[in-house]
Amino acid sequence: MSLPTEEDLKRYDPIKADITVVLETPHEQDTESKRVFEEKVRHVASFRKHLEGMEDYSTIARDDYCGVLSALDYLCFCGEIFRPAPIYSNMLPLTFKIISDPDSTTMARTWIEGSRYVLGINVAKHDTPLMLIGTLLHEMSHMLIHKLRRQEQIEGRPMLEYLFGATGHGYYWQRLARVVEARAYEIIDRRIDVGRLEAISHEREASGIVPSQAYYEMCYGGWESSDGKPMAEVASEYVESCHNVRLNKEALQEMAFPNGGE
């Protein structure tokens, strides 16, 4: 969970360069592109409305997932996730694994098996359409970074591995997720949450690295909470609070079971 060093910034980093291209690519303003853009926005709105009438998200059809993922890819990632890449002969197919486990702490997970994306969603951890869409955007950010990383590996170009993070929520993911969430705010709904705060906390625990203030500024600089407090400050307080709660919980468990519960 580190920022690039001064020395790193002097080097060419293909992953960072590729993400920059994605983030800075605007939607075309010609008539056809505007039509497609509006069509994708309507598709996401229709998906939300469909979910609002459902009590059990495990019954969502695969085609519905495919449709909204395609729309979100176009709207928030400029179509880069499912665009054919040199490392693959065509667009990566997507396999869904839907589970319903309310006792699990995992909301979703994405990985690549061979030349296929696998997206596992724990529907029991989602109770609103916006929560589910936020999770999809979270996992799609992993998809894009994994795709770019794999391409650089195959083509033999050097990468700054530590910027991926111990859990995949490091500098690259946070940088991409910040802009994805901002786009979702503008296009879909300002209540969208892609889980950036939780991701920083998760990464902090797994890596053992305490995020610097510069890191929080990279993630949240210029953003404010609903009460006008700088989000970089809110994020720092939240992550350290979660860390302290975990330590306190472990201390209580050790007091209650000093011999490991035996």
C-alpha atoms as a PDB file:
ATOM      1  CA  MET A   1       0.000   0.000   0.000  1.00  0.00           C
ATOM      2  CA  SER A   2       2.666   2.441  -1.093  1.00  0.00           C
ATOM      3  CA  LEU A   3       2.885   5.385  -3.425  1.00  0.00           C
ATOM      4  CA  PRO A   4       5.484   5.360  -6.206  1.00  0.00           C
ATOM      5  CA  THR A   5       8.881   6.604  -4.995  1.00  0.00           C
ATOM      6  CA  GLU A   6      10.718   9.479  -6.667  1.00  0.00           C
ATOM      7  CA  GLU A   7      12.917   6.912  -8.402  1.00  0.00           C
ATOM      8  CA  ASP A   8       9.876   4.957  -9.586  1.00  0.00           C
ATOM      9  CA  LEU A   9       8.357   8.066 -11.143  1.00  0.00           C
ATOM     10  CA  LYS A  10      11.421   8.441 -13.377  1.00  0.00           C
ATOM     11  CA  ARG A  11      10.842   4.982 -14.864  1.00  0.00           C
ATOM     12  CA  TYR A  12       8.334   4.043 -17.521  1.00  0.00           C
ATOM     13  CA  ASP A  13       5.600   1.954 -15.963  1.00  0.00           C
ATOM     14  CA  PRO A  14       3.354   0.399 -18.633  1.00  0.00           C
ATOM     15  CA  ILE A  15       0.538  -0.446 -16.209  1.00  0.00           C
ATOM     16  CA  LYS A  16       0.301   3.135 -14.995  1.00  0.00           C
ATOM     17  CA  ALA A  17       0.501   4.399 -18.566  1.00  0.00           C
ATOM     18  CA  ASP A  18      -2.313   2.097 -19.699  1.00  0.00           C
ATOM     19  CA  ILE A  19      -4.558   3.054 -16.783  1.00  0.00           C
ATOM     20  CA  THR A  20      -3.911   6.732 -17.513  1.00  0.00           C
ATOM     21  CA  VAL A  21      -5.072   6.237 -21.096  1.00  0.00           C
ATOM     22  CA  VAL A  22      -8.240   4.528 -19.890  1.00  0.00           C
ATOM     23  CA  LEU A  23      -9.024   7.178 -17.309  1.00  0.00           C
ATOM     24  CA  GLU A  24      -8.440  10.100 -19.646  1.00  0.00           C
ATOM     25  CA  THR A  25     -10.380   8.720 -22.605  1.00  0.00           C
ATOM     26  CA  PRO A  26     -13.625  10.699 -22.919  1.00  0.00           C
ATOM     27  CA  HIS A  27     -16.749   9.319 -24.517  1.00  0.00           C
ATOM     28  CA  GLU A  28     -16.947  10.483 -28.112  1.00  0.00           C
ATOM     29  CA  GLN A  29     -19.329  13.324 -28.799  1.00  0.00           C
ATOM     30  CA  ASP A  30     -20.557  12.276 -32.233  1.00  0.00           C
ATOM     31  CA  THR A  31     -24.218  11.395 -32.699  1.00  0.00           C
ATOM     32  CA  GLU A  32     -23.753   7.610 -32.716  1.00  0.00           C
ATOM     33  CA  SER A  33     -21.602   7.599 -29.577  1.00  0.00           C
ATOM     34  CA  LYS A  34     -24.118   9.754 -27.750  1.00  0.00           C
ATOM     35  CA  ARG A  35     -26.841   7.314 -28.743  1.00  0.00           C
ATOM     36  CA  VAL A  36     -24.863   4.354 -27.397  1.00  0.00           C
ATOM     37  CA  PHE A  37     -24.036   6.255 -24.216  1.00  0.00           C
ATOM     38  CA  GLU A  38     -27.693   7.031 -23.546  1.00  0.00           C
ATOM     39  CA  GLU A  39     -28.631   3.426 -24.330  1.00  0.00           C
ATOM     40  CA  LYS A  40     -26.114   2.134 -21.755  1.00  0.00           C
ATOM     41  CA  VAL A  41     -27.387   4.576 -19.126  1.00  0.00           C
ATOM     42  CA  ARG A  42     -30.938   3.341 -19.713  1.00  0.00           C
ATOM     43  CA  HIS A  43     -29.740  -0.255 -19.446  1.00  0.00           C
ATOM     44  CA  VAL A  44     -28.230   0.351 -15.994  1.00  0.00           C
ATOM     45  CA  ALA A  45     -31.395   2.191 -14.895  1.00  0.00           C
ATOM     46  CA  SER A  46     -33.511  -0.719 -16.098  1.00  0.00           C
ATOM     47  CA  PHE A  47     -31.310  -3.201 -14.207  1.00  0.00           C
ATOM     48  CA  ARG A  48     -31.734  -1.155 -11.013  1.00  0.00           C
ATOM     49  CA  LYS A  49     -35.488  -1.031 -11.432  1.00  0.00           C
ATOM     50  CA  HIS A  50     -35.605  -4.773 -12.053  1.00  0.00           C
ATOM     51  CA  LEU A  51     -33.666  -5.441  -8.832  1.00  0.00           C
ATOM     52  CA  GLU A  52     -35.893  -3.162  -6.768  1.00  0.00           C
ATOM     53  CA  GLY A  53     -38.754  -5.615  -7.235  1.00  0.00           C
ATOM     54  CA  MET A  54     -36.689  -8.632  -6.181  1.00  0.00           C
ATOM     55  CA  GLU A  55     -36.219 -10.111  -2.725  1.00  0.00           C
ATOM     56  CA  ASP A  56     -33.716 -12.765  -3.770  1.00  0.00           C
ATOM     57  CA  TYR A  57     -30.833 -11.642  -5.997  1.00  0.00           C
ATOM     58  CA  SER A  58     -29.768 -15.245  -6.555  1.00  0.00           C
ATOM     59  CA  THR A  59     -32.465 -15.462  -9.227  1.00  0.00           C
ATOM     60  CA  ILE A  60     -30.888 -12.757 -11.401  1.00  0.00           C
ATOM     61  CA  ALA A  61     -30.376 -14.214 -14.869  1.00  0.00           C
ATOM     62  CA  ARG A  62     -26.895 -14.536 -16.358  1.00  0.00           C
ATOM     63  CA  ASP A  63     -27.955 -12.445 -19.360  1.00  0.00           C
ATOM     64  CA  ASP A  64     -28.991  -9.640 -17.005  1.00  0.00           C
ATOM     65  CA  TYR A  65     -25.531  -9.684 -15.421  1.00  0.00           C
ATOM     66  CA  CYS A  66     -23.810  -9.736 -18.814  1.00  0.00           C
ATOM     67  CA  GLY A  67     -25.900  -6.829 -20.012  1.00  0.00           C
ATOM     68  CA  VAL A  68     -25.209  -4.568 -17.045  1.00  0.00           C
ATOM     69  CA  LEU A  69     -21.495  -5.456 -17.001  1.00  0.00           C
ATOM     70  CA  SER A  70     -21.235  -4.478 -20.659  1.00  0.00           C
ATOM     71  CA  ALA A  71     -23.027  -1.201 -19.923  1.00  0.00           C
ATOM     72  CA  LEU A  72     -20.841  -0.414 -16.908  1.00  0.00           C
ATOM     73  CA  ASP A  73     -17.713  -1.267 -18.883  1.00  0.00           C
ATOM     74  CA  TYR A  74     -18.691   1.266 -21.555  1.00  0.00           C
ATOM     75  CA  LEU A  75     -19.788   3.982 -19.121  1.00  0.00           C
ATOM     76  CA  CYS A  76     -17.083   3.765 -16.462  1.00  0.00           C
ATOM     77  CA  PHE A  77     -14.124   1.999 -18.134  1.00  0.00           C
ATOM     78  CA  CYS A  78     -14.428   3.257 -21.731  1.00  0.00           C
ATOM     79  CA  GLY A  79     -15.044  -0.336 -22.869  1.00  0.00           C
ATOM     80  CA  GLU A  80     -11.512  -1.462 -21.978  1.00  0.00           C
ATOM     81  CA  ILE A  81     -12.369  -4.490 -19.835  1.00  0.00           C
ATOM     82  CA  PHE A  82     -13.990  -6.658 -22.474  1.00  0.00           C
ATOM     83  CA  ARG A  83     -12.119  -5.185 -25.432  1.00  0.00           C
ATOM     84  CA  PRO A  84     -10.009  -7.830 -27.215  1.00  0.00           C
ATOM     85  CA  ALA A  85      -6.326  -7.603 -26.271  1.00  0.00           C
ATOM     86  CA  PRO A  86      -3.173  -8.902 -28.001  1.00  0.00           C
ATOM     87  CA  ILE A  87      -2.794 -11.558 -25.282  1.00  0.00           C
ATOM     88  CA  TYR A  88      -6.204 -13.027 -26.070  1.00  0.00           C
ATOM     89  CA  SER A  89      -7.623 -14.014 -29.440  1.00  0.00           C
ATOM     90  CA  ASN A  90     -10.980 -12.416 -28.647  1.00  0.00           C
ATOM     91  CA  MET A  91     -13.081 -10.953 -25.858  1.00  0.00           C
ATOM     92  CA  LEU A  92     -12.736 -12.876 -22.595  1.00  0.00           C
ATOM     93  CA  PRO A  93     -15.852 -14.922 -21.795  1.00  0.00           C
ATOM     94  CA  LEU A  94     -17.284 -14.490 -18.315  1.00  0.00           C
ATOM     95  CA  THR A  95     -18.346 -17.208 -15.894  1.00  0.00           C
ATOM     96  CA  PHE A  96     -20.612 -16.359 -12.941  1.00  0.00           C
ATOM     97  CA  LYS A  97     -20.538 -18.150  -9.622  1.00  0.00           C
ATOM     98  CA  ILE A  98     -23.486 -17.062  -7.505  1.00  0.00           C
ATOM     99  CA  ILE A  99     -23.471 -17.998  -3.830  1.00  0.00           C
ATOM    100  CA  SER A 100     -25.707 -17.050  -0.904  1.00  0.00           C
ATOM    101  CA  ASP A 101     -23.791 -17.194   2.361  1.00  0.00           C
ATOM    102  CA  PRO A 102     -24.834 -14.584   4.948  1.00  0.00           C
ATOM    103  CA  ASP A 103     -22.138 -15.780   7.372  1.00  0.00           C
ATOM    104  CA  SER A 104     -19.291 -15.088   4.936  1.00  0.00           C
ATOM    105  CA  THR A 105     -17.386 -11.803   5.063  1.00  0.00           C
ATOM    106  CA  THR A 106     -16.758 -11.923   1.316  1.00  0.00           C
ATOM    107  CA  MET A 107     -19.064  -9.910  -0.930  1.00  0.00           C
ATOM    108  CA  ALA A 108     -17.485 -10.890  -4.238  1.00  0.00           C
ATOM    109  CA  ARG A 109     -14.289 -12.084  -5.870  1.00  0.00           C
ATOM    110  CA  THR A 110     -12.871 -11.969  -9.395  1.00  0.00           C
ATOM    111  CA  TRP A 111     -10.102 -14.014 -10.964  1.00  0.00           C
ATOM    112  CA  ILE A 112      -8.993 -15.376 -14.340  1.00  0.00           C
ATOM    113  CA  GLU A 113      -8.913 -19.077 -15.147  1.00  0.00           C
ATOM    114  CA  GLY A 114      -7.041 -19.651 -18.373  1.00  0.00           C
ATOM    115  CA  SER A 115      -8.577 -17.128 -20.745  1.00  0.00           C
ATOM    116  CA  ARG A 116     -11.831 -16.704 -18.853  1.00  0.00           C
ATOM    117  CA  TYR A 117     -12.959 -14.192 -16.250  1.00  0.00           C
ATOM    118  CA  VAL A 118     -14.667 -15.706 -13.213  1.00  0.00           C
ATOM    119  CA  LEU A 119     -16.870 -13.450 -11.114  1.00  0.00           C
ATOM    120  CA  GLY A 120     -18.152 -14.855  -7.826  1.00  0.00           C
ATOM    121  CA  ILE A 121     -20.896 -12.841  -6.103  1.00  0.00           C
ATOM    122  CA  ASN A 122     -22.269 -13.495  -2.623  1.00  0.00           C
ATOM    123  CA  VAL A 123     -25.819 -12.230  -3.121  1.00  0.00           C
ATOM    124  CA  ALA A 124     -26.629 -12.684   0.566  1.00  0.00           C
ATOM    125  CA  LYS A 125     -24.353  -9.714   1.338  1.00  0.00           C
ATOM    126  CA  HIS A 126     -26.257  -7.337  -0.968  1.00  0.00           C
ATOM    127  CA  ASP A 127     -29.640  -5.878  -0.142  1.00  0.00           C
ATOM    128  CA  THR A 128     -29.941  -2.880  -2.501  1.00  0.00           C
ATOM    129  CA  PRO A 129     -29.412  -2.440  -6.261  1.00  0.00           C
ATOM    130  CA  LEU A 130     -26.796   0.288  -5.708  1.00  0.00           C
ATOM    131  CA  MET A 131     -24.825  -1.949  -3.348  1.00  0.00           C
ATOM    132  CA  LEU A 132     -24.718  -4.671  -5.989  1.00  0.00           C
ATOM    133  CA  ILE A 133     -23.722  -2.223  -8.739  1.00  0.00           C
ATOM    134  CA  GLY A 134     -20.992  -0.823  -6.485  1.00  0.00           C
ATOM    135  CA  THR A 135     -19.643  -4.339  -5.956  1.00  0.00           C
ATOM    136  CA  LEU A 136     -19.676  -5.004  -9.699  1.00  0.00           C
ATOM    137  CA  LEU A 137     -17.656  -1.817 -10.311  1.00  0.00           C
ATOM    138  CA  HIS A 138     -15.238  -2.884  -7.556  1.00  0.00           C
ATOM    139  CA  GLU A 139     -14.675  -6.273  -9.183  1.00  0.00           C
ATOM    140  CA  MET A 140     -14.501  -4.811 -12.685  1.00  0.00           C
ATOM    141  CA  SER A 141     -11.623  -2.592 -11.520  1.00  0.00           C
ATOM    142  CA  HIS A 142      -9.789  -5.786 -10.549  1.00  0.00           C
ATOM    143  CA  MET A 143     -10.606  -7.252 -13.970  1.00  0.00           C
ATOM    144  CA  LEU A 144      -9.048  -4.354 -15.854  1.00  0.00           C
ATOM    145  CA  ILE A 145      -5.895  -4.235 -13.745  1.00  0.00           C
ATOM    146  CA  HIS A 146      -5.481  -8.009 -14.006  1.00  0.00           C
ATOM    147  CA  LYS A 147      -5.859  -7.790 -17.776  1.00  0.00           C
ATOM    148  CA  LEU A 148      -3.234  -5.038 -18.076  1.00  0.00           C
ATOM    149  CA  ARG A 149      -0.885  -6.837 -15.702  1.00  0.00           C
ATOM    150  CA  ARG A 150      -1.174 -10.103 -17.603  1.00  0.00           C
ATOM    151  CA  GLN A 151      -0.478  -8.340 -20.885  1.00  0.00           C
ATOM    152  CA  GLU A 152       2.701  -6.761 -19.512  1.00  0.00           C
ATOM    153  CA  GLN A 153       3.866 -10.104 -18.090  1.00  0.00           C
ATOM    154  CA  ILE A 154       3.394 -11.928 -21.392  1.00  0.00           C
ATOM    155  CA  GLU A 155       5.154  -9.192 -23.336  1.00  0.00           C
ATOM    156  CA  GLY A 156       8.059  -9.237 -20.887  1.00  0.00           C
ATOM    157  CA  ARG A 157       7.884  -5.627 -19.735  1.00  0.00           C
ATOM    158  CA  PRO A 158       8.914  -4.678 -16.179  1.00  0.00           C
ATOM    159  CA  MET A 159       6.294  -3.710 -13.606  1.00  0.00           C
ATOM    160  CA  LEU A 160       6.240  -2.150 -10.160  1.00  0.00           C
ATOM    161  CA  GLU A 161       4.807  -5.228  -8.465  1.00  0.00           C
ATOM    162  CA  TYR A 162       4.456  -3.692  -5.011  1.00  0.00           C
ATOM    163  CA  LEU A 163       1.947  -1.158  -6.341  1.00  0.00           C
ATOM    164  CA  PHE A 164      -0.609  -3.947  -6.879  1.00  0.00           C
ATOM    165  CA  GLY A 165      -0.854  -4.445  -3.121  1.00  0.00           C
ATOM    166  CA  ALA A 166      -0.968  -7.495  -0.886  1.00  0.00           C
ATOM    167  CA  THR A 167      -4.686  -8.039  -1.578  1.00  0.00           C
ATOM    168  CA  GLY A 168      -4.917  -6.429  -5.019  1.00  0.00           C
ATOM    169  CA  HIS A 169      -6.198  -3.166  -3.489  1.00  0.00           C
ATOM    170  CA  GLY A 170      -2.944  -1.224  -3.691  1.00  0.00           C
ATOM    171  CA  TYR A 171      -2.002   1.971  -5.511  1.00  0.00           C
ATOM    172  CA  TYR A 172      -3.165   0.827  -8.961  1.00  0.00           C
ATOM    173  CA  TRP A 173      -6.582  -0.339  -7.789  1.00  0.00           C
ATOM    174  CA  GLN A 174      -7.186   2.731  -5.630  1.00  0.00           C
ATOM    175  CA  ARG A 175      -6.139   5.068  -8.420  1.00  0.00           C
ATOM    176  CA  LEU A 176      -8.481   3.406 -10.887  1.00  0.00           C
ATOM    177  CA  ALA A 177     -11.363   2.996  -8.402  1.00  0.00           C
ATOM    178  CA  ARG A 178     -11.257   6.701  -7.501  1.00  0.00           C
ATOM    179  CA  VAL A 179     -12.013   7.724 -11.076  1.00  0.00           C
ATOM    180  CA  VAL A 180     -14.483   4.877 -11.655  1.00  0.00           C
ATOM    181  CA  GLU A 181     -16.454   5.935  -8.588  1.00  0.00           C
ATOM    182  CA  ALA A 182     -16.381   9.571  -9.718  1.00  0.00           C
ATOM    183  CA  ARG A 183     -17.762   8.575 -13.115  1.00  0.00           C
ATOM    184  CA  ALA A 184     -20.437   6.441 -11.492  1.00  0.00           C
ATOM    185  CA  TYR A 185     -21.427   9.421  -9.336  1.00  0.00           C
ATOM    186  CA  GLU A 186     -22.002  11.524 -12.442  1.00  0.00           C
ATOM    187  CA  ILE A 187     -23.634   8.894 -14.629  1.00  0.00           C
ATOM    188  CA  ILE A 188     -25.511   6.561 -12.267  1.00  0.00           C
ATOM    189  CA  ASP A 189     -26.051   7.818  -8.714  1.00  0.00           C
ATOM    190  CA  ARG A 190     -24.090   9.801  -6.128  1.00  0.00           C
ATOM    191  CA  ARG A 191     -24.745   7.083  -3.554  1.00  0.00           C
ATOM    192  CA  ILE A 192     -22.571   4.560  -5.421  1.00  0.00           C
ATOM    193  CA  ASP A 193     -19.864   3.049  -3.195  1.00  0.00           C
ATOM    194  CA  VAL A 194     -17.196   0.816  -4.744  1.00  0.00           C
ATOM    195  CA  GLY A 195     -15.715  -0.052  -1.342  1.00  0.00           C
ATOM    196  CA  ARG A 196     -12.559   2.043  -1.409  1.00  0.00           C
ATOM    197  CA  LEU A 197     -12.472   2.654   2.350  1.00  0.00           C
ATOM    198  CA  GLU A 198     -12.904  -1.026   3.138  1.00  0.00           C
ATOM    199  CA  ALA A 199     -10.232  -1.841   0.534  1.00  0.00           C
ATOM    200  CA  ILE A 200      -7.673   0.441   2.210  1.00  0.00           C
ATOM    201  CA  SER A 201      -8.458  -1.146   5.579  1.00  0.00           C
ATOM    202  CA  HIS A 202      -8.191  -4.662   4.137  1.00  0.00           C
ATOM    203  CA  GLU A 203      -4.872  -3.829   2.471  1.00  0.00           C
ATOM    204  CA  ARG A 204      -3.517  -2.223   5.643  1.00  0.00           C
ATOM    205  CA  GLU A 205      -4.181  -5.380   7.659  1.00  0.00           C
ATOM    206  CA  ALA A 206      -2.799  -7.756   5.039  1.00  0.00           C
ATOM    207  CA  SER A 207       0.341  -5.764   4.211  1.00  0.00           C
ATOM    208  CA  GLY A 208       1.144  -4.382   7.649  1.00  0.00           C
ATOM    209  CA  ILE A 209       1.874  -1.032   6.004  1.00  0.00           C
ATOM    210  CA  VAL A 210       0.353   2.049   7.637  1.00  0.00           C
ATOM    211  CA  PRO A 211      -0.866   4.347   4.822  1.00  0.00           C
ATOM    212  CA  SER A 212       0.797   7.750   4.713  1.00  0.00           C
ATOM    213  CA  GLN A 213      -1.197  10.973   4.544  1.00  0.00           C
ATOM    214  CA  ALA A 214       0.028  11.347   0.962  1.00  0.00           C
ATOM    215  CA  TYR A 215      -1.590   8.002   0.173  1.00  0.00           C
ATOM    216  CA  TYR A 216      -4.917   9.132   1.626  1.00  0.00           C
ATOM    217  CA  GLU A 217      -4.648  12.360  -0.363  1.00  0.00           C
ATOM    218  CA  MET A 218      -4.072  10.349  -3.548  1.00  0.00           C
ATOM    219  CA  CYS A 219      -7.202   8.330  -2.822  1.00  0.00           C
ATOM    220  CA  TYR A 220      -9.481  11.074  -1.527  1.00  0.00           C
ATOM    221  CA  GLY A 221      -7.872  14.483  -2.045  1.00  0.00           C
ATOM    222  CA  GLY A 222     -10.530  17.026  -3.086  1.00  0.00           C
ATOM    223  CA  TRP A 223     -13.424  14.876  -1.826  1.00  0.00           C
ATOM    224  CA  GLU A 224     -15.556  15.792   1.185  1.00  0.00           C
ATOM    225  CA  SER A 225     -17.901  13.818   3.435  1.00  0.00           C
ATOM    226  CA  SER A 226     -21.566  14.729   3.760  1.00  0.00           C
ATOM    227  CA  ASP A 227     -20.728  16.987   6.707  1.00  0.00           C
ATOM    228  CA  GLY A 228     -17.991  18.810   4.807  1.00  0.00           C
ATOM    229  CA  LYS A 229     -15.016  17.034   6.380  1.00  0.00           C
ATOM    230  CA  PRO A 230     -12.069  16.191   4.055  1.00  0.00           C
ATOM    231  CA  MET A 231     -12.463  12.565   2.983  1.00  0.00           C
ATOM    232  CA  ALA A 232      -8.716  11.950   3.257  1.00  0.00           C
ATOM    233  CA  GLU A 233      -9.049  12.695   6.972  1.00  0.00           C
ATOM    234  CA  VAL A 234     -12.223  10.591   7.307  1.00  0.00           C
ATOM    235  CA  ALA A 235     -10.529   7.682   5.535  1.00  0.00           C
ATOM    236  CA  SER A 236      -7.488   7.805   7.820  1.00  0.00           C
ATOM    237  CA  GLU A 237      -9.677   7.818  10.931  1.00  0.00           C
ATOM    238  CA  TYR A 238     -11.847   4.978   9.601  1.00  0.00           C
ATOM    239  CA  VAL A 239      -8.939   2.699   8.684  1.00  0.00           C
ATOM    240  CA  GLU A 240      -7.116   3.210  11.978  1.00  0.00           C
ATOM    241  CA  SER A 241     -10.379   2.731  13.903  1.00  0.00           C
ATOM    242  CA  CYS A 242     -10.936  -0.615  12.150  1.00  0.00           C
ATOM    243  CA  HIS A 243      -7.351  -1.588  12.921  1.00  0.00           C
ATOM    244  CA  ASN A 244      -7.716  -0.699  16.611  1.00  0.00           C
ATOM    245  CA  VAL A 245     -11.028  -2.551  16.869  1.00  0.00           C
ATOM    246  CA  ARG A 246      -9.363  -5.649  15.442  1.00  0.00           C
ATOM    247  CA  LEU A 247      -6.502  -5.349  17.945  1.00  0.00           C
ATOM    248  CA  ASN A 248      -8.954  -4.862  20.829  1.00  0.00           C
ATOM    249  CA  LYS A 249     -10.968  -7.869  19.700  1.00  0.00           C
ATOM    250  CA  GLU A 250      -7.832 -10.008  19.576  1.00  0.00           C
ATOM    251  CA  ALA A 251      -6.807  -8.778  23.036  1.00  0.00           C
ATOM    252  CA  LEU A 252     -10.215  -9.686  24.469  1.00  0.00           C
ATOM    253  CA  GLN A 253     -10.036 -13.130  22.879  1.00  0.00           C
ATOM    254  CA  GLU A 254      -6.581 -13.691  24.377  1.00  0.00           C
ATOM    255  CA  MET A 255      -7.897 -12.646  27.822  1.00  0.00           C
ATOM    256  CA  ALA A 256     -10.878 -14.968  27.509  1.00  0.00           C
ATOM    257  CA  PHE A 257      -8.865 -17.860  26.071  1.00  0.00           C
ATOM    258  CA  PRO A 258      -5.269 -17.391  27.304  1.00  0.00           C
ATOM    259  CA  ASN A 259      -4.315 -20.878  26.184  1.00  0.00           C
ATOM    260  CA  GLY A 260      -5.895 -20.699  22.769  1.00  0.00           C
ATOM    261  CA  GLY A 261      -9.235 -21.947  24.038  1.00  0.00           C
ATOM    262  CA  GLU A 262      -7.888 -25.291  25.210  1.00  0.00           C
END
